[in-house]
Amino acid sequence: MQQTDDTIVLLTTVPDLKTGQLLAQTLVEQKIAACVNLLPVMQSYYLWQGEIECDNEQQLIIKTESSLLNQAETLIRKHHPYEVPELIAIKPTAMGEDYLEWLKQCLQK
């Protein structure tokens, strides 16, 4: 394992497969993300405008670098149907050395 410096894991949820696929493909095509995992349908419970809501959603796990975080946020907000999309950046402390090298190569423009 190698300590990471600039690597970020960005999380967002989407209401359907089509939206998730569009975001995932666009993020990778534009080299904003090296990889996006689109997880199967899950149930999300949350407060919205004072009411408890329950909806089916899909989770995107986006692997990128902190230097690309603003671009990722702009793209997600542009294509996201939610008024308030989930955007959570997590900083991993370490990654497999070969995976980290691959990630960096994918993001080079």
PDB file of N, CA and C in Angstrom:
ATOM      1  N   MET A   1       0.849  -1.186   0.000  1.00  0.00           N
ATOM      2  CA  MET A   1       0.000   0.000   0.000  1.00  0.00           C
ATOM      3  C   MET A   1       0.890   1.243   0.000  1.00  0.00           C
ATOM      4  N   GLN A   2       0.363   2.264  -0.647  1.00  0.00           N
ATOM      5  CA  GLN A   2       1.085   3.531  -0.721  1.00  0.00           C
ATOM      6  C   GLN A   2       0.180   4.636  -0.202  1.00  0.00           C
ATOM      7  N   GLN A   3       0.750   5.542   0.585  1.00  0.00           N
ATOM      8  CA  GLN A   3      -0.022   6.673   1.060  1.00  0.00           C
ATOM      9  C   GLN A   3      -0.431   7.534  -0.127  1.00  0.00           C
ATOM     10  N   THR A   4      -1.640   8.059  -0.046  1.00  0.00           N
ATOM     11  CA  THR A   4      -2.136   8.892  -1.140  1.00  0.00           C
ATOM     12  C   THR A   4      -1.948  10.354  -0.798  1.00  0.00           C
ATOM     13  N   ASP A   5      -1.832  11.161  -1.828  1.00  0.00           N
ATOM     14  CA  ASP A   5      -1.693  12.596  -1.607  1.00  0.00           C
ATOM     15  C   ASP A   5      -2.885  13.352  -2.181  1.00  0.00           C
ATOM     16  N   ASP A   6      -3.193  13.126  -3.427  1.00  0.00           N
ATOM     17  CA  ASP A   6      -4.215  13.908  -4.128  1.00  0.00           C
ATOM     18  C   ASP A   6      -5.480  13.103  -4.422  1.00  0.00           C
ATOM     19  N   THR A   7      -5.497  11.819  -4.098  1.00  0.00           N
ATOM     20  CA  THR A   7      -6.603  10.952  -4.490  1.00  0.00           C
ATOM     21  C   THR A   7      -7.839  11.196  -3.626  1.00  0.00           C
ATOM     22  N   ILE A   8      -9.002  11.200  -4.277  1.00  0.00           N
ATOM     23  CA  ILE A   8     -10.288  11.433  -3.618  1.00  0.00           C
ATOM     24  C   ILE A   8     -11.283  10.384  -4.101  1.00  0.00           C
ATOM     25  N   VAL A   9     -12.144   9.945  -3.207  1.00  0.00           N
ATOM     26  CA  VAL A   9     -13.298   9.126  -3.566  1.00  0.00           C
ATOM     27  C   VAL A   9     -14.517  10.016  -3.354  1.00  0.00           C
ATOM     28  N   LEU A  10     -15.252  10.248  -4.422  1.00  0.00           N
ATOM     29  CA  LEU A  10     -16.420  11.125  -4.389  1.00  0.00           C
ATOM     30  C   LEU A  10     -17.678  10.269  -4.470  1.00  0.00           C
ATOM     31  N   LEU A  11     -18.621  10.531  -3.590  1.00  0.00           N
ATOM     32  CA  LEU A  11     -19.884   9.795  -3.568  1.00  0.00           C
ATOM     33  C   LEU A  11     -21.026  10.691  -4.009  1.00  0.00           C
ATOM     34  N   THR A  12     -21.921  10.116  -4.795  1.00  0.00           N
ATOM     35  CA  THR A  12     -23.179  10.771  -5.125  1.00  0.00           C
ATOM     36  C   THR A  12     -24.217   9.682  -5.373  1.00  0.00           C
ATOM     37  N   THR A  13     -25.476  10.009  -5.159  1.00  0.00           N
ATOM     38  CA  THR A  13     -26.561   9.088  -5.458  1.00  0.00           C
ATOM     39  C   THR A  13     -27.399   9.651  -6.598  1.00  0.00           C
ATOM     40  N   VAL A  14     -28.042   8.743  -7.330  1.00  0.00           N
ATOM     41  CA  VAL A  14     -28.902   9.133  -8.445  1.00  0.00           C
ATOM     42  C   VAL A  14     -30.205   8.339  -8.356  1.00  0.00           C
ATOM     43  N   PRO A  15     -31.265   8.846  -8.981  1.00  0.00           N
ATOM     44  CA  PRO A  15     -32.559   8.182  -8.862  1.00  0.00           C
ATOM     45  C   PRO A  15     -32.746   6.973  -9.767  1.00  0.00           C
ATOM     46  N   ASP A  16     -31.882   6.848 -10.804  1.00  0.00           N
ATOM     47  CA  ASP A  16     -32.106   5.752 -11.760  1.00  0.00           C
ATOM     48  C   ASP A  16     -30.824   5.387 -12.490  1.00  0.00           C
ATOM     49  N   LEU A  17     -30.862   4.229 -13.133  1.00  0.00           N
ATOM     50  CA  LEU A  17     -29.712   3.690 -13.850  1.00  0.00           C
ATOM     51  C   LEU A  17     -29.264   4.606 -14.981  1.00  0.00           C
ATOM     52  N   LYS A  18     -30.207   5.150 -15.733  1.00  0.00           N
ATOM     53  CA  LYS A  18     -29.869   6.004 -16.876  1.00  0.00           C
ATOM     54  C   LYS A  18     -29.038   7.215 -16.445  1.00  0.00           C
ATOM     55  N   THR A  19     -29.437   7.868 -15.370  1.00  0.00           N
ATOM     56  CA  THR A  19     -28.691   9.026 -14.867  1.00  0.00           C
ATOM     57  C   THR A  19     -27.313   8.594 -14.393  1.00  0.00           C
ATOM     58  N   GLY A  20     -27.238   7.477 -13.693  1.00  0.00           N
ATOM     59  CA  GLY A  20     -25.956   6.965 -13.211  1.00  0.00           C
ATOM     60  C   GLY A  20     -25.007   6.627 -14.347  1.00  0.00           C
ATOM     61  N   GLN A  21     -25.519   5.983 -15.374  1.00  0.00           N
ATOM     62  CA  GLN A  21     -24.695   5.618 -16.528  1.00  0.00           C
ATOM     63  C   GLN A  21     -24.182   6.860 -17.250  1.00  0.00           C
ATOM     64  N   LEU A  22     -25.038   7.858 -17.417  1.00  0.00           N
ATOM     65  CA  LEU A  22     -24.634   9.107 -18.075  1.00  0.00           C
ATOM     66  C   LEU A  22     -23.510   9.777 -17.293  1.00  0.00           C
ATOM     67  N   LEU A  23     -23.685   9.908 -15.981  1.00  0.00           N
ATOM     68  CA  LEU A  23     -22.651  10.544 -15.162  1.00  0.00           C
ATOM     69  C   LEU A  23     -21.354   9.744 -15.194  1.00  0.00           C
ATOM     70  N   ALA A  24     -21.451   8.431 -15.010  1.00  0.00           N
ATOM     71  CA  ALA A  24     -20.254   7.589 -14.972  1.00  0.00           C
ATOM     72  C   ALA A  24     -19.477   7.683 -16.284  1.00  0.00           C
ATOM     73  N   GLN A  25     -20.164   7.503 -17.390  1.00  0.00           N
ATOM     74  CA  GLN A  25     -19.485   7.519 -18.686  1.00  0.00           C
ATOM     75  C   GLN A  25     -18.874   8.882 -18.980  1.00  0.00           C
ATOM     76  N   THR A  26     -19.602   9.946 -18.690  1.00  0.00           N
ATOM     77  CA  THR A  26     -19.093  11.288 -18.974  1.00  0.00           C
ATOM     78  C   THR A  26     -17.883  11.616 -18.109  1.00  0.00           C
ATOM     79  N   LEU A  27     -17.928  11.270 -16.828  1.00  0.00           N
ATOM     80  CA  LEU A  27     -16.784  11.524 -15.938  1.00  0.00           C
ATOM     81  C   LEU A  27     -15.527  10.808 -16.412  1.00  0.00           C
ATOM     82  N   VAL A  28     -15.671   9.565 -16.859  1.00  0.00           N
ATOM     83  CA  VAL A  28     -14.513   8.801 -17.328  1.00  0.00           C
ATOM     84  C   VAL A  28     -14.047   9.301 -18.701  1.00  0.00           C
ATOM     85  N   GLU A  29     -14.975   9.550 -19.612  1.00  0.00           N
ATOM     86  CA  GLU A  29     -14.610  10.037 -20.950  1.00  0.00           C
ATOM     87  C   GLU A  29     -13.833  11.348 -20.881  1.00  0.00           C
ATOM     88  N   GLN A  30     -14.248  12.231 -19.984  1.00  0.00           N
ATOM     89  CA  GLN A  30     -13.593  13.537 -19.875  1.00  0.00           C
ATOM     90  C   GLN A  30     -12.365  13.506 -18.967  1.00  0.00           C
ATOM     91  N   LYS A  31     -11.976  12.315 -18.519  1.00  0.00           N
ATOM     92  CA  LYS A  31     -10.817  12.113 -17.652  1.00  0.00           C
ATOM     93  C   LYS A  31     -10.911  12.919 -16.363  1.00  0.00           C
ATOM     94  N   ILE A  32     -12.137  13.071 -15.884  1.00  0.00           N
ATOM     95  CA  ILE A  32     -12.362  13.685 -14.578  1.00  0.00           C
ATOM     96  C   ILE A  32     -12.313  12.599 -13.511  1.00  0.00           C
ATOM     97  N   ALA A  33     -12.629  11.376 -13.896  1.00  0.00           N
ATOM     98  CA  ALA A  33     -12.556  10.215 -13.005  1.00  0.00           C
ATOM     99  C   ALA A  33     -11.851   9.082 -13.732  1.00  0.00           C
ATOM    100  N   ALA A  34     -11.088   8.303 -12.975  1.00  0.00           N
ATOM    101  CA  ALA A  34     -10.443   7.126 -13.552  1.00  0.00           C
ATOM    102  C   ALA A  34     -11.412   5.954 -13.590  1.00  0.00           C
ATOM    103  N   CYS A  35     -12.313   5.905 -12.615  1.00  0.00           N
ATOM    104  CA  CYS A  35     -13.250   4.796 -12.485  1.00  0.00           C
ATOM    105  C   CYS A  35     -14.474   5.282 -11.722  1.00  0.00           C
ATOM    106  N   VAL A  36     -15.634   4.789 -12.132  1.00  0.00           N
ATOM    107  CA  VAL A  36     -16.878   5.058 -11.414  1.00  0.00           C
ATOM    108  C   VAL A  36     -17.602   3.733 -11.230  1.00  0.00           C
ATOM    109  N   ASN A  37     -17.895   3.396  -9.992  1.00  0.00           N
ATOM    110  CA  ASN A  37     -18.700   2.212  -9.700  1.00  0.00           C
ATOM    111  C   ASN A  37     -20.140   2.660  -9.527  1.00  0.00           C
ATOM    112  N   LEU A  38     -21.052   1.990 -10.213  1.00  0.00           N
ATOM    113  CA  LEU A  38     -22.481   2.256 -10.110  1.00  0.00           C
ATOM    114  C   LEU A  38     -23.102   1.060  -9.406  1.00  0.00           C
ATOM    115  N   LEU A  39     -23.453   1.250  -8.154  1.00  0.00           N
ATOM    116  CA  LEU A  39     -23.967   0.155  -7.333  1.00  0.00           C
ATOM    117  C   LEU A  39     -25.445  -0.099  -7.615  1.00  0.00           C
ATOM    118  N   PRO A  40     -25.918  -1.307  -7.304  1.00  0.00           N
ATOM    119  CA  PRO A  40     -27.329  -1.641  -7.538  1.00  0.00           C
ATOM    120  C   PRO A  40     -28.281  -0.780  -6.704  1.00  0.00           C
ATOM    121  N   VAL A  41     -29.536  -0.925  -7.012  1.00  0.00           N
ATOM    122  CA  VAL A  41     -30.577  -0.148  -6.342  1.00  0.00           C
ATOM    123  C   VAL A  41     -30.550  -0.390  -4.842  1.00  0.00           C
ATOM    124  N   MET A  42     -30.714   0.696  -4.095  1.00  0.00           N
ATOM    125  CA  MET A  42     -30.789   0.647  -2.635  1.00  0.00           C
ATOM    126  C   MET A  42     -31.916   1.571  -2.201  1.00  0.00           C
ATOM    127  N   GLN A  43     -32.354   1.433  -0.977  1.00  0.00           N
ATOM    128  CA  GLN A  43     -33.359   2.346  -0.438  1.00  0.00           C
ATOM    129  C   GLN A  43     -32.664   3.403   0.402  1.00  0.00           C
ATOM    130  N   SER A  44     -33.050   4.646   0.183  1.00  0.00           N
ATOM    131  CA  SER A  44     -32.520   5.765   0.961  1.00  0.00           C
ATOM    132  C   SER A  44     -33.655   6.407   1.738  1.00  0.00           C
ATOM    133  N   TYR A  45     -33.423   6.606   3.026  1.00  0.00           N
ATOM    134  CA  TYR A  45     -34.356   7.313   3.897  1.00  0.00           C
ATOM    135  C   TYR A  45     -33.710   8.641   4.264  1.00  0.00           C
ATOM    136  N   TYR A  46     -34.464   9.720   4.133  1.00  0.00           N
ATOM    137  CA  TYR A  46     -33.887  11.037   4.393  1.00  0.00           C
ATOM    138  C   TYR A  46     -34.998  12.047   4.699  1.00  0.00           C
ATOM    139  N   LEU A  47     -34.594  13.142   5.320  1.00  0.00           N
ATOM    140  CA  LEU A  47     -35.521  14.245   5.574  1.00  0.00           C
ATOM    141  C   LEU A  47     -35.476  15.205   4.394  1.00  0.00           C
ATOM    142  N   TRP A  48     -36.650  15.577   3.912  1.00  0.00           N
ATOM    143  CA  TRP A  48     -36.735  16.574   2.835  1.00  0.00           C
ATOM    144  C   TRP A  48     -37.942  17.442   3.108  1.00  0.00           C
ATOM    145  N   GLN A  49     -37.700  18.718   3.280  1.00  0.00           N
ATOM    146  CA  GLN A  49     -38.740  19.713   3.540  1.00  0.00           C
ATOM    147  C   GLN A  49     -39.626  19.284   4.711  1.00  0.00           C
ATOM    148  N   GLY A  50     -38.982  18.805   5.774  1.00  0.00           N
ATOM    149  CA  GLY A  50     -39.673  18.450   7.003  1.00  0.00           C
ATOM    150  C   GLY A  50     -40.352  17.094   7.015  1.00  0.00           C
ATOM    151  N   GLU A  51     -40.245  16.335   5.948  1.00  0.00           N
ATOM    152  CA  GLU A  51     -40.893  15.018   5.846  1.00  0.00           C
ATOM    153  C   GLU A  51     -39.839  13.925   5.677  1.00  0.00           C
ATOM    154  N   ILE A  52     -40.127  12.753   6.224  1.00  0.00           N
ATOM    155  CA  ILE A  52     -39.258  11.603   5.988  1.00  0.00           C
ATOM    156  C   ILE A  52     -39.627  10.997   4.642  1.00  0.00           C
ATOM    157  N   GLU A  53     -38.632  10.876   3.782  1.00  0.00           N
ATOM    158  CA  GLU A  53     -38.818  10.321   2.442  1.00  0.00           C
ATOM    159  C   GLU A  53     -38.098   8.980   2.344  1.00  0.00           C
ATOM    160  N   CYS A  54     -38.569   8.133   1.455  1.00  0.00           N
ATOM    161  CA  CYS A  54     -37.911   6.864   1.153  1.00  0.00           C
ATOM    162  C   CYS A  54     -37.972   6.678  -0.355  1.00  0.00           C
ATOM    163  N   ASP A  55     -36.798   6.567  -0.974  1.00  0.00           N
ATOM    164  CA  ASP A  55     -36.724   6.403  -2.423  1.00  0.00           C
ATOM    165  C   ASP A  55     -35.686   5.355  -2.782  1.00  0.00           C
ATOM    166  N   ASN A  56     -35.865   4.739  -3.935  1.00  0.00           N
ATOM    167  CA  ASN A  56     -34.838   3.876  -4.496  1.00  0.00           C
ATOM    168  C   ASN A  56     -33.800   4.765  -5.173  1.00  0.00           C
ATOM    169  N   GLU A  57     -32.539   4.483  -4.914  1.00  0.00           N
ATOM    170  CA  GLU A  57     -31.448   5.240  -5.515  1.00  0.00           C
ATOM    171  C   GLU A  57     -30.325   4.278  -5.863  1.00  0.00           C
ATOM    172  N   GLN A  58     -29.363   4.809  -6.609  1.00  0.00           N
ATOM    173  CA  GLN A  58     -28.145   4.075  -6.903  1.00  0.00           C
ATOM    174  C   GLN A  58     -26.964   4.936  -6.495  1.00  0.00           C
ATOM    175  N   GLN A  59     -25.959   4.294  -5.939  1.00  0.00           N
ATOM    176  CA  GLN A  59     -24.769   4.988  -5.447  1.00  0.00           C
ATOM    177  C   GLN A  59     -23.677   4.970  -6.496  1.00  0.00           C
ATOM    178  N   LEU A  60     -23.074   6.112  -6.734  1.00  0.00           N
ATOM    179  CA  LEU A  60     -21.882   6.198  -7.572  1.00  0.00           C
ATOM    180  C   LEU A  60     -20.678   6.402  -6.665  1.00  0.00           C
ATOM    181  N   ILE A  61     -19.643   5.611  -6.898  1.00  0.00           N
ATOM    182  CA  ILE A  61     -18.366   5.754  -6.201  1.00  0.00           C
ATOM    183  C   ILE A  61     -17.355   6.183  -7.260  1.00  0.00           C
ATOM    184  N   ILE A  62     -16.902   7.407  -7.151  1.00  0.00           N
ATOM    185  CA  ILE A  62     -16.094   8.046  -8.188  1.00  0.00           C
ATOM    186  C   ILE A  62     -14.655   8.197  -7.686  1.00  0.00           C
ATOM    187  N   LYS A  63     -13.691   7.618  -8.405  1.00  0.00           N
ATOM    188  CA  LYS A  63     -12.293   7.733  -8.032  1.00  0.00           C
ATOM    189  C   LYS A  63     -11.625   8.797  -8.890  1.00  0.00           C
ATOM    190  N   THR A  64     -11.080   9.821  -8.213  1.00  0.00           N
ATOM    191  CA  THR A  64     -10.496  10.949  -8.915  1.00  0.00           C
ATOM    192  C   THR A  64      -9.406  11.578  -8.065  1.00  0.00           C
ATOM    193  N   GLU A  65      -9.009  12.786  -8.418  1.00  0.00           N
ATOM    194  CA  GLU A  65      -8.028  13.541  -7.646  1.00  0.00           C
ATOM    195  C   GLU A  65      -8.657  14.841  -7.170  1.00  0.00           C
ATOM    196  N   SER A  66      -8.166  15.345  -6.053  1.00  0.00           N
ATOM    197  CA  SER A  66      -8.750  16.564  -5.486  1.00  0.00           C
ATOM    198  C   SER A  66      -8.635  17.751  -6.440  1.00  0.00           C
ATOM    199  N   SER A  67      -7.616  17.750  -7.297  1.00  0.00           N
ATOM    200  CA  SER A  67      -7.465  18.834  -8.277  1.00  0.00           C
ATOM    201  C   SER A  67      -8.595  18.837  -9.311  1.00  0.00           C
ATOM    202  N   LEU A  68      -9.326  17.709  -9.433  1.00  0.00           N
ATOM    203  CA  LEU A  68     -10.433  17.606 -10.397  1.00  0.00           C
ATOM    204  C   LEU A  68     -11.804  17.687  -9.721  1.00  0.00           C
ATOM    205  N   LEU A  69     -11.811  17.930  -8.426  1.00  0.00           N
ATOM    206  CA  LEU A  69     -13.059  17.922  -7.664  1.00  0.00           C
ATOM    207  C   LEU A  69     -14.060  18.974  -8.148  1.00  0.00           C
ATOM    208  N   ASN A  70     -13.596  20.180  -8.444  1.00  0.00           N
ATOM    209  CA  ASN A  70     -14.513  21.226  -8.924  1.00  0.00           C
ATOM    210  C   ASN A  70     -15.120  20.860 -10.277  1.00  0.00           C
ATOM    211  N   GLN A  71     -14.314  20.268 -11.159  1.00  0.00           N
ATOM    212  CA  GLN A  71     -14.833  19.838 -12.456  1.00  0.00           C
ATOM    213  C   GLN A  71     -15.869  18.729 -12.281  1.00  0.00           C
ATOM    214  N   ALA A  72     -15.591  17.795 -11.369  1.00  0.00           N
ATOM    215  CA  ALA A  72     -16.533  16.705 -11.107  1.00  0.00           C
ATOM    216  C   ALA A  72     -17.846  17.267 -10.563  1.00  0.00           C
ATOM    217  N   GLU A  73     -17.760  18.185  -9.633  1.00  0.00           N
ATOM    218  CA  GLU A  73     -18.972  18.778  -9.063  1.00  0.00           C
ATOM    219  C   GLU A  73     -19.788  19.512 -10.129  1.00  0.00           C
ATOM    220  N   THR A  74     -19.121  20.289 -10.963  1.00  0.00           N
ATOM    221  CA  THR A  74     -19.819  21.032 -12.021  1.00  0.00           C
ATOM    222  C   THR A  74     -20.538  20.079 -12.969  1.00  0.00           C
ATOM    223  N   LEU A  75     -19.859  19.020 -13.385  1.00  0.00           N
ATOM    224  CA  LEU A  75     -20.470  18.050 -14.300  1.00  0.00           C
ATOM    225  C   LEU A  75     -21.655  17.347 -13.638  1.00  0.00           C
ATOM    226  N   ILE A  76     -21.492  16.923 -12.398  1.00  0.00           N
ATOM    227  CA  ILE A  76     -22.576  16.234 -11.694  1.00  0.00           C
ATOM    228  C   ILE A  76     -23.782  17.153 -11.551  1.00  0.00           C
ATOM    229  N   ARG A  77     -23.558  18.383 -11.113  1.00  0.00           N
ATOM    230  CA  ARG A  77     -24.689  19.322 -10.954  1.00  0.00           C
ATOM    231  C   ARG A  77     -25.387  19.605 -12.292  1.00  0.00           C
ATOM    232  N   LYS A  78     -24.617  19.652 -13.378  1.00  0.00           N
ATOM    233  CA  LYS A  78     -25.191  19.927 -14.704  1.00  0.00           C
ATOM    234  C   LYS A  78     -26.159  18.822 -15.136  1.00  0.00           C
ATOM    235  N   HIS A  79     -25.827  17.563 -14.830  1.00  0.00           N
ATOM    236  CA  HIS A  79     -26.604  16.427 -15.324  1.00  0.00           C
ATOM    237  C   HIS A  79     -27.489  15.778 -14.259  1.00  0.00           C
ATOM    238  N   HIS A  80     -27.468  16.308 -13.051  1.00  0.00           N
ATOM    239  CA  HIS A  80     -28.178  15.662 -11.939  1.00  0.00           C
ATOM    240  C   HIS A  80     -29.595  16.218 -11.808  1.00  0.00           C
ATOM    241  N   PRO A  81     -30.584  15.340 -11.636  1.00  0.00           N
ATOM    242  CA  PRO A  81     -31.969  15.817 -11.535  1.00  0.00           C
ATOM    243  C   PRO A  81     -32.349  16.353 -10.149  1.00  0.00           C
ATOM    244  N   TYR A  82     -31.539  16.088  -9.129  1.00  0.00           N
ATOM    245  CA  TYR A  82     -31.894  16.522  -7.776  1.00  0.00           C
ATOM    246  C   TYR A  82     -31.583  18.000  -7.564  1.00  0.00           C
ATOM    247  N   GLU A  83     -32.420  18.638  -6.787  1.00  0.00           N
ATOM    248  CA  GLU A  83     -32.175  20.027  -6.383  1.00  0.00           C
ATOM    249  C   GLU A  83     -30.929  20.101  -5.494  1.00  0.00           C
ATOM    250  N   VAL A  84     -30.761  19.096  -4.632  1.00  0.00           N
ATOM    251  CA  VAL A  84     -29.611  19.034  -3.730  1.00  0.00           C
ATOM    252  C   VAL A  84     -28.950  17.657  -3.871  1.00  0.00           C
ATOM    253  N   PRO A  85     -28.041  17.493  -4.848  1.00  0.00           N
ATOM    254  CA  PRO A  85     -27.394  16.191  -5.010  1.00  0.00           C
ATOM    255  C   PRO A  85     -26.401  15.917  -3.884  1.00  0.00           C
ATOM    256  N   GLU A  86     -26.282  14.643  -3.540  1.00  0.00           N
ATOM    257  CA  GLU A  86     -25.260  14.236  -2.579  1.00  0.00           C
ATOM    258  C   GLU A  86     -23.891  14.408  -3.223  1.00  0.00           C
ATOM    259  N   LEU A  87     -23.009  15.102  -2.546  1.00  0.00           N
ATOM    260  CA  LEU A  87     -21.619  15.251  -2.981  1.00  0.00           C
ATOM    261  C   LEU A  87     -20.754  15.152  -1.732  1.00  0.00           C
ATOM    262  N   ILE A  88     -20.121  13.996  -1.559  1.00  0.00           N
ATOM    263  CA  ILE A  88     -19.281  13.750  -0.392  1.00  0.00           C
ATOM    264  C   ILE A  88     -17.927  13.267  -0.879  1.00  0.00           C
ATOM    265  N   ALA A  89     -16.875  14.006  -0.551  1.00  0.00           N
ATOM    266  CA  ALA A  89     -15.515  13.625  -0.929  1.00  0.00           C
ATOM    267  C   ALA A  89     -14.830  12.991   0.277  1.00  0.00           C
ATOM    268  N   ILE A  90     -14.254  11.823   0.056  1.00  0.00           N
ATOM    269  CA  ILE A  90     -13.557  11.086   1.104  1.00  0.00           C
ATOM    270  C   ILE A  90     -12.098  10.938   0.685  1.00  0.00           C
ATOM    271  N   LYS A  91     -11.205  11.231   1.601  1.00  0.00           N
ATOM    272  CA  LYS A  91      -9.773  11.128   1.315  1.00  0.00           C
ATOM    273  C   LYS A  91      -9.244   9.804   1.835  1.00  0.00           C
ATOM    274  N   PRO A  92      -8.910   8.871   0.953  1.00  0.00           N
ATOM    275  CA  PRO A  92      -8.307   7.624   1.420  1.00  0.00           C
ATOM    276  C   PRO A  92      -6.882   7.885   1.912  1.00  0.00           C
ATOM    277  N   THR A  93      -6.467   7.150   2.917  1.00  0.00           N
ATOM    278  CA  THR A  93      -5.112   7.332   3.441  1.00  0.00           C
ATOM    279  C   THR A  93      -4.085   6.531   2.660  1.00  0.00           C
ATOM    280  N   ALA A  94      -4.529   5.422   2.064  1.00  0.00           N
ATOM    281  CA  ALA A  94      -3.594   4.591   1.300  1.00  0.00           C
ATOM    282  C   ALA A  94      -4.361   3.796   0.250  1.00  0.00           C
ATOM    283  N   MET A  95      -3.631   3.406  -0.808  1.00  0.00           N
ATOM    284  CA  MET A  95      -4.178   2.580  -1.882  1.00  0.00           C
ATOM    285  C   MET A  95      -3.090   1.617  -2.326  1.00  0.00           C
ATOM    286  N   GLY A  96      -3.519   0.560  -3.002  1.00  0.00           N
ATOM    287  CA  GLY A  96      -2.541  -0.327  -3.621  1.00  0.00           C
ATOM    288  C   GLY A  96      -1.679   0.473  -4.573  1.00  0.00           C
ATOM    289  N   GLU A  97      -0.376   0.272  -4.528  1.00  0.00           N
ATOM    290  CA  GLU A  97       0.548   1.083  -5.316  1.00  0.00           C
ATOM    291  C   GLU A  97       0.255   1.006  -6.806  1.00  0.00           C
ATOM    292  N   ASP A  98      -0.015  -0.193  -7.320  1.00  0.00           N
ATOM    293  CA  ASP A  98      -0.289  -0.336  -8.754  1.00  0.00           C
ATOM    294  C   ASP A  98      -1.622   0.299  -9.127  1.00  0.00           C
ATOM    295  N   TYR A  99      -2.626   0.219  -8.239  1.00  0.00           N
ATOM    296  CA  TYR A  99      -3.921   0.847  -8.506  1.00  0.00           C
ATOM    297  C   TYR A  99      -3.768   2.365  -8.519  1.00  0.00           C
ATOM    298  N   LEU A 100      -3.019   2.892  -7.565  1.00  0.00           N
ATOM    299  CA  LEU A 100      -2.804   4.335  -7.491  1.00  0.00           C
ATOM    300  C   LEU A 100      -2.094   4.843  -8.737  1.00  0.00           C
ATOM    301  N   GLU A 101      -1.102   4.105  -9.214  1.00  0.00           N
ATOM    302  CA  GLU A 101      -0.384   4.496 -10.429  1.00  0.00           C
ATOM    303  C   GLU A 101      -1.320   4.471 -11.642  1.00  0.00           C
ATOM    304  N   TRP A 102      -2.153   3.428 -11.741  1.00  0.00           N
ATOM    305  CA  TRP A 102      -3.118   3.336 -12.827  1.00  0.00           C
ATOM    306  C   TRP A 102      -4.077   4.522 -12.791  1.00  0.00           C
ATOM    307  N   LEU A 103      -4.590   4.856 -11.598  1.00  0.00           N
ATOM    308  CA  LEU A 103      -5.522   5.967 -11.437  1.00  0.00           C
ATOM    309  C   LEU A 103      -4.906   7.266 -11.946  1.00  0.00           C
ATOM    310  N   LYS A 104      -3.687   7.529 -11.553  1.00  0.00           N
ATOM    311  CA  LYS A 104      -3.007   8.767 -11.968  1.00  0.00           C
ATOM    312  C   LYS A 104      -2.812   8.811 -13.481  1.00  0.00           C
ATOM    313  N   GLN A 105      -2.450   7.670 -14.075  1.00  0.00           N
ATOM    314  CA  GLN A 105      -2.265   7.623 -15.529  1.00  0.00           C
ATOM    315  C   GLN A 105      -3.557   7.902 -16.266  1.00  0.00           C
ATOM    316  N   CYS A 106      -4.670   7.395 -15.753  1.00  0.00           N
ATOM    317  CA  CYS A 106      -5.981   7.599 -16.394  1.00  0.00           C
ATOM    318  C   CYS A 106      -6.400   9.057 -16.401  1.00  0.00           C
ATOM    319  N   LEU A 107      -5.953   9.812 -15.414  1.00  0.00           N
ATOM    320  CA  LEU A 107      -6.383  11.187 -15.271  1.00  0.00           C
ATOM    321  C   LEU A 107      -5.464  12.189 -15.958  1.00  0.00           C
ATOM    322  N   GLN A 108      -4.380  11.707 -16.551  1.00  0.00           N
ATOM    323  CA  GLN A 108      -3.477  12.599 -17.276  1.00  0.00           C
ATOM    324  C   GLN A 108      -4.111  12.991 -18.600  1.00  0.00           C
ATOM    325  N   LYS A 109      -4.080  14.264 -18.891  1.00  0.00           N
ATOM    326  CA  LYS A 109      -4.673  14.763 -20.147  1.00  0.00           C
ATOM    327  C   LYS A 109      -3.608  15.110 -21.140  1.00  0.00           C
TER     328      LYS A 109
END
